[in-house]
Amino acid sequence: MDFAAGVAVIRQRARMKIDPYSKRPMPTDWNDPDTATINGAFVASASSVGITTELRQQVQTTKSLYCDPAADVRIGDRIVSGTHTYTVTAVPEADTNPFTGWQPVQEIPLEEVLG
């Protein structure tokens, strides 16, 4: 499903590097991330929470990305929309209607931290 006023967002994924301790590949290299463009997407606000401690103030904003269910997005990926960069914080869900098989969009929870 495409949104009439949808935008193109960029999905960034850390490249794999060999962990020197476990000798297994780990997604840790953000210097040159793997990127893909997701067309016809929509980023919607969910909530913002102010967090204040003795040392700093922080605003944590939660949003969701709505896009085609076939889009390749995983937990830990970064989504760049305009001047904002978000981190995928939960498993992307693309629910399907059990009666008709209709699958409208995929919802991907995002988080942006400023401060």
C-alpha atoms as a PDB file:
ATOM      1  CA  MET A   1       0.000   0.000   0.000  1.00  0.00           C
ATOM      2  CA  ASP A   2       1.370   3.403  -0.947  1.00  0.00           C
ATOM      3  CA  PHE A   3       0.470   6.606   0.854  1.00  0.00           C
ATOM      4  CA  ALA A   4      -0.576   9.414  -1.492  1.00  0.00           C
ATOM      5  CA  ALA A   5       1.584  11.868   0.446  1.00  0.00           C
ATOM      6  CA  GLY A   6       4.236   9.337   1.491  1.00  0.00           C
ATOM      7  CA  VAL A   7       7.922  10.179   1.581  1.00  0.00           C
ATOM      8  CA  ALA A   8      11.133   8.312   0.890  1.00  0.00           C
ATOM      9  CA  VAL A   9      13.096   7.367   4.013  1.00  0.00           C
ATOM     10  CA  ILE A  10      16.543   5.834   4.259  1.00  0.00           C
ATOM     11  CA  ARG A  11      17.140   2.580   6.147  1.00  0.00           C
ATOM     12  CA  GLN A  12      20.678   2.266   7.549  1.00  0.00           C
ATOM     13  CA  ARG A  13      22.049  -1.050   8.812  1.00  0.00           C
ATOM     14  CA  ALA A  14      25.398  -1.493  10.531  1.00  0.00           C
ATOM     15  CA  ARG A  15      27.797  -3.644   8.567  1.00  0.00           C
ATOM     16  CA  MET A  16      29.065  -6.851  10.118  1.00  0.00           C
ATOM     17  CA  LYS A  17      32.450  -6.939  11.837  1.00  0.00           C
ATOM     18  CA  ILE A  18      34.226  -9.863  13.454  1.00  0.00           C
ATOM     19  CA  ASP A  19      34.096  -9.586  17.250  1.00  0.00           C
ATOM     20  CA  PRO A  20      37.702  -9.984  18.466  1.00  0.00           C
ATOM     21  CA  TYR A  21      36.586 -11.955  21.526  1.00  0.00           C
ATOM     22  CA  SER A  22      33.917 -14.338  20.228  1.00  0.00           C
ATOM     23  CA  LYS A  23      35.258 -14.446  16.622  1.00  0.00           C
ATOM     24  CA  ARG A  24      31.659 -14.170  15.393  1.00  0.00           C
ATOM     25  CA  PRO A  25      30.262 -11.524  13.044  1.00  0.00           C
ATOM     26  CA  MET A  26      28.467  -8.706  14.886  1.00  0.00           C
ATOM     27  CA  PRO A  27      26.563  -5.719  13.412  1.00  0.00           C
ATOM     28  CA  THR A  28      28.733  -2.966  14.881  1.00  0.00           C
ATOM     29  CA  ASP A  29      30.292  -0.953  12.058  1.00  0.00           C
ATOM     30  CA  TRP A  30      28.321   2.299  11.661  1.00  0.00           C
ATOM     31  CA  ASN A  31      31.160   4.087   9.790  1.00  0.00           C
ATOM     32  CA  ASP A  32      29.882   2.885   6.400  1.00  0.00           C
ATOM     33  CA  PRO A  33      26.340   1.514   6.910  1.00  0.00           C
ATOM     34  CA  ASP A  34      24.408  -0.510   4.367  1.00  0.00           C
ATOM     35  CA  THR A  35      21.612   1.763   3.105  1.00  0.00           C
ATOM     36  CA  ALA A  36      18.317   1.232   1.305  1.00  0.00           C
ATOM     37  CA  THR A  37      15.568   3.641   0.273  1.00  0.00           C
ATOM     38  CA  ILE A  38      12.006   2.902   1.389  1.00  0.00           C
ATOM     39  CA  ASN A  39       9.584   4.788  -0.857  1.00  0.00           C
ATOM     40  CA  GLY A  40       6.026   5.786  -0.003  1.00  0.00           C
ATOM     41  CA  ALA A  41       6.541   5.632   3.771  1.00  0.00           C
ATOM     42  CA  PHE A  42       4.943   7.636   6.596  1.00  0.00           C
ATOM     43  CA  VAL A  43       6.476   8.520   9.995  1.00  0.00           C
ATOM     44  CA  ALA A  44       3.858   9.239  12.693  1.00  0.00           C
ATOM     45  CA  SER A  45       4.274  10.606  16.214  1.00  0.00           C
ATOM     46  CA  ALA A  46       3.316   8.450  19.178  1.00  0.00           C
ATOM     47  CA  SER A  47       4.609  10.279  22.274  1.00  0.00           C
ATOM     48  CA  SER A  48       7.411  12.295  23.883  1.00  0.00           C
ATOM     49  CA  VAL A  49       8.651  11.944  27.440  1.00  0.00           C
ATOM     50  CA  GLY A  50      10.911  14.383  29.272  1.00  0.00           C
ATOM     51  CA  ILE A  51      13.532  12.700  31.430  1.00  0.00           C
ATOM     52  CA  THR A  52      15.453  14.883  33.881  1.00  0.00           C
ATOM     53  CA  THR A  53      18.310  13.747  36.102  1.00  0.00           C
ATOM     54  CA  GLU A  54      20.813  15.667  38.203  1.00  0.00           C
ATOM     55  CA  LEU A  55      23.272  15.704  35.312  1.00  0.00           C
ATOM     56  CA  ARG A  56      21.189  16.280  32.194  1.00  0.00           C
ATOM     57  CA  GLN A  57      17.831  16.764  30.530  1.00  0.00           C
ATOM     58  CA  GLN A  58      16.689  14.410  27.814  1.00  0.00           C
ATOM     59  CA  VAL A  59      13.632  14.092  25.596  1.00  0.00           C
ATOM     60  CA  GLN A  60      12.718  10.645  24.350  1.00  0.00           C
ATOM     61  CA  THR A  61      10.366  10.675  21.362  1.00  0.00           C
ATOM     62  CA  THR A  62       8.567   7.567  20.166  1.00  0.00           C
ATOM     63  CA  LYS A  63       7.299   7.357  16.595  1.00  0.00           C
ATOM     64  CA  SER A  64       6.284   4.646  14.142  1.00  0.00           C
ATOM     65  CA  LEU A  65       7.208   4.111  10.525  1.00  0.00           C
ATOM     66  CA  TYR A  66       4.417   2.821   8.291  1.00  0.00           C
ATOM     67  CA  CYS A  67       5.525   1.274   5.013  1.00  0.00           C
ATOM     68  CA  ASP A  68       5.161  -1.626   2.594  1.00  0.00           C
ATOM     69  CA  PRO A  69       5.178  -5.015   4.414  1.00  0.00           C
ATOM     70  CA  ALA A  70       7.967  -6.184   2.085  1.00  0.00           C
ATOM     71  CA  ALA A  71      10.397  -3.473   3.288  1.00  0.00           C
ATOM     72  CA  ASP A  72      13.587  -4.966   4.762  1.00  0.00           C
ATOM     73  CA  VAL A  73      13.773  -3.454   8.260  1.00  0.00           C
ATOM     74  CA  ARG A  74      15.091  -5.105  11.451  1.00  0.00           C
ATOM     75  CA  ILE A  75      15.573  -4.237  15.125  1.00  0.00           C
ATOM     76  CA  GLY A  76      18.659  -2.029  15.502  1.00  0.00           C
ATOM     77  CA  ASP A  77      18.403  -0.437  12.052  1.00  0.00           C
ATOM     78  CA  ARG A  78      18.328   3.335  11.755  1.00  0.00           C
ATOM     79  CA  ILE A  79      15.662   5.220   9.819  1.00  0.00           C
ATOM     80  CA  VAL A  80      16.525   8.664   8.420  1.00  0.00           C
ATOM     81  CA  SER A  81      13.536  10.873   7.631  1.00  0.00           C
ATOM     82  CA  GLY A  82      14.381  14.471   6.761  1.00  0.00           C
ATOM     83  CA  THR A  83      16.677  15.815   9.483  1.00  0.00           C
ATOM     84  CA  HIS A  84      15.671  13.153  12.030  1.00  0.00           C
ATOM     85  CA  THR A  85      17.326   9.807  12.670  1.00  0.00           C
ATOM     86  CA  TYR A  86      15.447   7.086  14.540  1.00  0.00           C
ATOM     87  CA  THR A  87      16.380   3.644  15.833  1.00  0.00           C
ATOM     88  CA  VAL A  88      14.107   0.634  15.278  1.00  0.00           C
ATOM     89  CA  THR A  89      13.292  -0.557  18.809  1.00  0.00           C
ATOM     90  CA  ALA A  90      10.883  -3.464  18.291  1.00  0.00           C
ATOM     91  CA  VAL A  91      10.047  -6.200  15.839  1.00  0.00           C
ATOM     92  CA  PRO A  92       8.312  -4.788  12.736  1.00  0.00           C
ATOM     93  CA  GLU A  93       4.747  -6.109  12.450  1.00  0.00           C
ATOM     94  CA  ALA A  94       2.733  -6.535   9.271  1.00  0.00           C
ATOM     95  CA  ASP A  95      -0.591  -7.949  10.451  1.00  0.00           C
ATOM     96  CA  THR A  96      -2.765  -9.833   7.982  1.00  0.00           C
ATOM     97  CA  ASN A  97      -6.554 -10.013   8.158  1.00  0.00           C
ATOM     98  CA  PRO A  98      -7.336 -13.704   8.876  1.00  0.00           C
ATOM     99  CA  PHE A  99     -10.588 -13.600   6.902  1.00  0.00           C
ATOM    100  CA  THR A 100      -9.523 -11.828   3.727  1.00  0.00           C
ATOM    101  CA  GLY A 101      -5.717 -12.075   3.694  1.00  0.00           C
ATOM    102  CA  TRP A 102      -5.504  -8.288   3.332  1.00  0.00           C
ATOM    103  CA  GLN A 103      -2.218  -6.861   4.603  1.00  0.00           C
ATOM    104  CA  PRO A 104      -2.273  -3.050   4.517  1.00  0.00           C
ATOM    105  CA  VAL A 105       1.047  -1.816   5.927  1.00  0.00           C
ATOM    106  CA  GLN A 106       3.893  -2.658   8.262  1.00  0.00           C
ATOM    107  CA  GLU A 107       4.225  -0.715  11.523  1.00  0.00           C
ATOM    108  CA  ILE A 108       7.767  -0.251  12.782  1.00  0.00           C
ATOM    109  CA  PRO A 109       8.248   1.307  16.269  1.00  0.00           C
ATOM    110  CA  LEU A 110      10.994   3.972  16.294  1.00  0.00           C
ATOM    111  CA  GLU A 111      12.772   5.949  18.973  1.00  0.00           C
ATOM    112  CA  GLU A 112      14.681   9.231  18.767  1.00  0.00           C
ATOM    113  CA  VAL A 113      16.758  10.464  21.677  1.00  0.00           C
ATOM    114  CA  LEU A 114      17.867  14.087  21.915  1.00  0.00           C
ATOM    115  CA  GLY A 115      20.034  15.509  24.679  1.00  0.00           C
END
